[in-house]
């Protein structure tokens, strides 16, 4: 993993996994809240995304291992702020909404907050992707007891407890594994509505039925895992210490 020189400490770090998002990056980065740091994790882009991100003031991390989870975790390990947010880099989610997502974490009233996506147009969220998401939410409810509506990518939590979860998935199951292990550790998990816009460019995951169901298979594998007792205990201890 190759990083650019570190930036001064930020109030909140925002991890932005990135694969060929040159068209969306300017809009996304200009909307990062003031005083927060954008960490763009380039996951093998060939369109100059990393150079664009650097030119716009983002902290850039190069993650050569392909996979959404690999990019997210590289960003998490590069983060230094107490609170870390995650957001897609495709302009489907507005970073100006991040303070509302992170608010309960910053206030200490929640440990993990997920942005529940609310499509603003019919084409913002393909039907096959929405159906897959509903099925996953149902499986998560059965596995964890959490009554979630969405497993969306915009989310916030404290960095040290997140690291203590010892997440291992490096593909599409990473966001789900975060929720499952957080639930196993007794975290307070909440949702808040966020508008969901049509993304810029084609999705690398949900742009096709094949990609969507590959992601579902990754996530089913996560749901089949037994609770990771050691990491769950560490995460629960870290969460209690943060309060």
Protein backbone atom coordinates (compact mmCIF):
# COMPACT_ATOMS: atom_id res chain seq x y z
CA UNK A 1 0.00 0.00 0.00
CA UNK A 2 1.55 3.32 -1.10
CA UNK A 3 0.41 6.57 0.48
CA UNK A 4 0.91 10.25 -0.21
CA UNK A 5 2.47 12.30 2.63
CA UNK A 6 0.14 12.60 5.65
CA UNK A 7 -2.10 15.63 6.08
CA UNK A 8 -2.73 17.51 9.36
CA UNK A 9 -5.20 15.82 11.74
CA UNK A 10 -8.84 16.16 10.69
CA UNK A 11 -12.04 16.23 12.72
CA UNK A 12 -13.41 13.31 10.70
CA UNK A 13 -11.82 11.21 7.97
CA UNK A 14 -13.94 10.27 4.95
CA UNK A 15 -12.90 7.07 3.16
CA UNK A 16 -13.75 7.11 -0.55
CA UNK A 17 -13.00 3.82 -2.36
CA UNK A 18 -12.31 4.69 -5.97
CA UNK A 19 -12.08 2.75 -9.23
CA UNK A 20 -12.17 4.87 -12.40
CA UNK A 21 -14.27 7.71 -11.00
CA UNK A 22 -12.57 10.64 -12.74
CA UNK A 23 -15.91 12.03 -13.86
CA UNK A 24 -17.41 12.09 -10.37
CA UNK A 25 -14.43 13.04 -8.19
CA UNK A 26 -14.56 16.84 -8.59
CA UNK A 27 -18.22 16.97 -7.53
CA UNK A 28 -17.64 14.58 -4.64
CA UNK A 29 -14.51 16.20 -3.25
CA UNK A 30 -15.81 19.75 -3.39
CA UNK A 31 -18.68 18.63 -1.15
CA UNK A 32 -16.59 17.11 1.66
CA UNK A 33 -17.45 19.04 4.86
CA UNK A 34 -15.02 21.76 5.85
CA UNK A 35 -12.34 20.53 8.24
CA UNK A 36 -12.91 16.89 7.30
CA UNK A 37 -10.30 14.95 5.34
CA UNK A 38 -11.03 13.04 2.15
CA UNK A 39 -9.07 9.79 1.85
CA UNK A 40 -9.39 8.58 -1.74
CA UNK A 41 -8.33 4.94 -2.04
CA UNK A 42 -7.40 4.28 -5.64
CA UNK A 43 -8.07 0.63 -6.43
CA UNK A 44 -6.32 0.35 -9.79
CA UNK A 45 -7.90 3.19 -11.75
CA UNK A 46 -6.75 3.73 -15.32
CA UNK A 47 -8.51 7.07 -15.90
CA UNK A 48 -6.28 9.33 -13.82
CA UNK A 49 -8.54 9.31 -10.76
CA UNK A 50 -5.61 9.38 -8.33
CA UNK A 51 -4.03 12.42 -9.98
CA UNK A 52 -7.36 14.24 -10.01
CA UNK A 53 -7.90 13.49 -6.34
CA UNK A 54 -4.44 14.76 -5.43
CA UNK A 55 -4.94 17.93 -7.45
CA UNK A 56 -8.13 18.59 -5.51
CA UNK A 57 -6.43 18.23 -2.14
CA UNK A 58 -7.43 14.70 -1.17
CA UNK A 59 -5.15 12.32 0.69
CA UNK A 60 -4.58 9.47 -1.77
CA UNK A 61 -3.89 5.85 -0.85
CA UNK A 62 -2.98 3.33 -3.55
CA UNK A 63 -4.45 -0.12 -2.86
CA UNK A 64 -3.26 -2.64 -5.49
CA UNK A 65 -5.42 -5.52 -4.23
CA UNK A 66 -8.65 -5.35 -6.19
CA UNK A 67 -11.88 -5.40 -4.24
CA UNK A 68 -14.27 -2.97 -2.57
CA UNK A 69 -13.39 -4.31 0.86
CA UNK A 70 -9.67 -4.03 0.17
CA UNK A 71 -10.10 -0.36 -0.73
CA UNK A 72 -12.32 0.39 2.26
CA UNK A 73 -9.97 -1.27 4.72
CA UNK A 74 -6.93 0.45 3.27
CA UNK A 75 -8.71 3.75 3.87
CA UNK A 76 -9.63 2.76 7.41
CA UNK A 77 -6.06 1.84 8.27
CA UNK A 78 -4.82 5.11 6.75
CA UNK A 79 -7.30 7.16 8.78
CA UNK A 80 -6.16 9.00 11.89
CA UNK A 81 -9.33 10.81 13.01
CA UNK A 82 -11.39 9.44 15.89
CA UNK A 83 -14.47 9.15 13.68
CA UNK A 84 -14.39 7.68 10.17
CA UNK A 85 -17.07 7.94 7.50
CA UNK A 86 -17.36 5.85 4.34
CA UNK A 87 -18.96 7.13 1.14
CA UNK A 88 -19.10 5.98 -2.46
CA UNK A 89 -17.07 8.01 -4.91
CA UNK A 90 -19.55 7.92 -7.81
CA UNK A 91 -21.70 10.99 -6.94
CA UNK A 92 -24.72 8.86 -6.04
CA UNK A 93 -24.47 10.07 -2.44
CA UNK A 94 -23.90 13.68 -1.42
CA UNK A 95 -20.98 14.12 1.01
CA UNK A 96 -22.62 17.24 2.45
CA UNK A 97 -24.98 14.80 4.20
CA UNK A 98 -22.14 13.15 6.12
CA UNK A 99 -22.50 15.36 9.24
CA UNK A 100 -26.08 14.12 9.62
CA UNK A 101 -24.89 10.52 9.31
CA UNK A 102 -21.98 10.99 11.71
CA UNK A 103 -23.88 13.16 14.18
CA UNK A 104 -25.08 10.37 16.47
CA UNK A 105 -21.61 8.80 16.53
CA UNK A 106 -20.00 12.13 17.39
CA UNK A 107 -22.63 12.68 20.09
CA UNK A 108 -22.06 9.22 21.55
CA UNK A 109 -25.66 8.07 21.04
CA UNK A 110 -24.85 5.47 18.37
CA UNK A 111 -21.84 3.34 17.52
CA UNK A 112 -22.53 2.76 13.82
CA UNK A 113 -24.87 4.82 11.65
CA UNK A 114 -25.89 3.72 8.16
CA UNK A 115 -27.33 6.00 5.51
CA UNK A 116 -30.62 4.50 4.33
CA UNK A 117 -30.79 5.25 0.62
CA UNK A 118 -33.92 6.97 -0.68
CA UNK A 119 -33.89 7.16 -4.51
CA UNK A 120 -34.64 10.62 -5.90
CA UNK A 121 -35.48 9.28 -9.38
CA UNK A 122 -36.72 5.95 -10.68
CA UNK A 123 -33.41 5.20 -12.40
CA UNK A 124 -31.22 5.95 -9.38
CA UNK A 125 -31.39 2.41 -8.01
CA UNK A 126 -31.83 -0.48 -10.50
CA UNK A 127 -34.62 -2.89 -9.62
CA UNK A 128 -32.33 -5.92 -9.40
CA UNK A 129 -30.04 -4.08 -6.97
CA UNK A 130 -32.96 -2.99 -4.79
CA UNK A 131 -34.36 -6.51 -4.65
CA UNK A 132 -30.96 -7.89 -3.71
CA UNK A 133 -30.63 -5.27 -0.99
CA UNK A 134 -34.05 -6.14 0.46
CA UNK A 135 -33.14 -9.81 0.55
CA UNK A 136 -29.87 -9.04 2.30
CA UNK A 137 -31.64 -6.85 4.86
CA UNK A 138 -33.98 -9.75 5.58
CA UNK A 139 -31.05 -12.13 6.05
CA UNK A 140 -29.28 -9.64 8.30
CA UNK A 141 -32.40 -9.34 10.45
CA UNK A 142 -32.54 -13.10 10.80
CA UNK A 143 -28.81 -13.37 11.60
CA UNK A 144 -28.42 -10.37 13.95
CA UNK A 145 -31.86 -9.20 15.01
CA UNK A 146 -31.18 -5.74 13.55
CA UNK A 147 -34.22 -4.37 11.73
CA UNK A 148 -32.34 -2.54 8.99
CA UNK A 149 -33.79 -1.43 5.66
CA UNK A 150 -30.55 -0.86 3.76
CA UNK A 151 -26.90 -1.88 3.84
CA UNK A 152 -25.78 1.24 2.04
CA UNK A 153 -22.18 2.41 1.73
CA UNK A 154 -22.57 5.78 3.50
CA UNK A 155 -21.84 5.16 7.17
CA UNK A 156 -19.95 6.40 10.21
CA UNK A 157 -18.27 4.87 13.26
CA UNK A 158 -15.28 5.40 15.54
CA UNK A 159 -11.98 4.26 14.10
CA UNK A 160 -10.49 2.23 16.95
CA UNK A 161 -13.58 0.09 17.60
CA UNK A 162 -13.90 -0.45 13.83
CA UNK A 163 -10.34 -1.72 13.66
CA UNK A 164 -11.04 -3.98 16.64
CA UNK A 165 -13.78 -5.71 14.63
CA UNK A 166 -10.90 -7.27 12.64
CA UNK A 167 -12.82 -7.30 9.36
CA UNK A 168 -11.45 -9.85 6.91
CA UNK A 169 -13.64 -9.62 3.79
CA UNK A 170 -11.91 -7.76 0.98
CA UNK A 171 -14.67 -7.96 -1.64
CA UNK A 172 -18.31 -6.93 -1.68
CA UNK A 173 -19.02 -8.44 1.72
CA UNK A 174 -17.00 -5.85 3.66
CA UNK A 175 -19.87 -3.46 4.49
CA UNK A 176 -22.06 -6.37 5.57
CA UNK A 177 -19.33 -7.92 7.70
CA UNK A 178 -18.97 -4.58 9.46
CA UNK A 179 -22.67 -4.60 10.38
CA UNK A 180 -22.73 -8.26 11.44
CA UNK A 181 -19.65 -8.00 13.64
CA UNK A 182 -20.87 -4.72 15.10
CA UNK A 183 -24.15 -6.41 16.02
CA UNK A 184 -22.31 -9.37 17.54
CA UNK A 185 -20.30 -6.90 19.64
CA UNK A 186 -23.46 -5.24 20.94
CA UNK A 187 -23.04 -1.98 19.07
CA UNK A 188 -25.88 0.50 18.84
CA UNK A 189 -26.64 0.51 15.11
CA UNK A 190 -28.91 3.18 13.61
CA UNK A 191 -30.15 4.34 10.21
CA UNK A 192 -30.82 7.78 8.83
CA UNK A 193 -32.36 8.62 5.44
CA UNK A 194 -30.11 9.95 2.67
CA UNK A 195 -31.16 10.86 -0.90
CA UNK A 196 -29.80 8.48 -3.52
CA UNK A 197 -28.97 9.95 -6.94
CA UNK A 198 -28.14 8.31 -10.26
CA UNK A 199 -24.43 7.55 -10.17
CA UNK A 200 -21.89 8.96 -12.61
CA UNK A 201 -20.84 6.19 -14.98
CA UNK A 202 -21.60 2.48 -14.75
CA UNK A 203 -21.55 0.61 -11.45
CA UNK A 204 -18.76 -1.93 -11.06
CA UNK A 205 -20.99 -4.10 -8.86
CA UNK A 206 -24.71 -3.50 -9.39
CA UNK A 207 -24.50 -2.38 -13.01
CA UNK A 208 -25.42 -5.91 -14.11
CA UNK A 209 -27.40 -8.85 -12.76
CA UNK A 210 -24.18 -10.88 -12.74
CA UNK A 211 -22.30 -8.33 -10.67
CA UNK A 212 -25.20 -7.95 -8.28
CA UNK A 213 -25.55 -11.64 -7.61
CA UNK A 214 -21.80 -12.07 -7.23
CA UNK A 215 -22.04 -9.47 -4.49
CA UNK A 216 -24.96 -11.35 -2.95
CA UNK A 217 -22.88 -14.53 -2.92
CA UNK A 218 -20.04 -12.69 -1.19
CA UNK A 219 -22.47 -11.43 1.41
CA UNK A 220 -24.09 -14.80 1.97
CA UNK A 221 -20.63 -16.14 2.77
CA UNK A 222 -20.27 -13.42 5.41
CA UNK A 223 -23.65 -14.29 6.92
CA UNK A 224 -22.62 -17.94 7.14
CA UNK A 225 -19.56 -17.13 9.25
CA UNK A 226 -19.75 -17.97 12.97
CA UNK A 227 -19.27 -15.02 15.34
CA UNK A 228 -15.60 -14.07 15.62
CA UNK A 229 -15.42 -14.24 19.41
CA UNK A 230 -12.00 -12.65 19.91
CA UNK A 231 -12.58 -9.68 17.62
CA UNK A 232 -16.12 -9.20 18.91
CA UNK A 233 -14.90 -9.08 22.51
CA UNK A 234 -12.18 -6.59 21.59
CA UNK A 235 -14.61 -4.42 19.66
CA UNK A 236 -17.12 -4.47 22.51
CA UNK A 237 -14.40 -3.46 24.96
CA UNK A 238 -13.19 -0.69 22.67
CA UNK A 239 -16.71 0.61 22.15
CA UNK A 240 -17.35 0.73 25.89
CA UNK A 241 -14.08 2.60 26.42
CA UNK A 242 -15.04 5.20 23.80
CA UNK A 243 -18.27 6.10 25.64
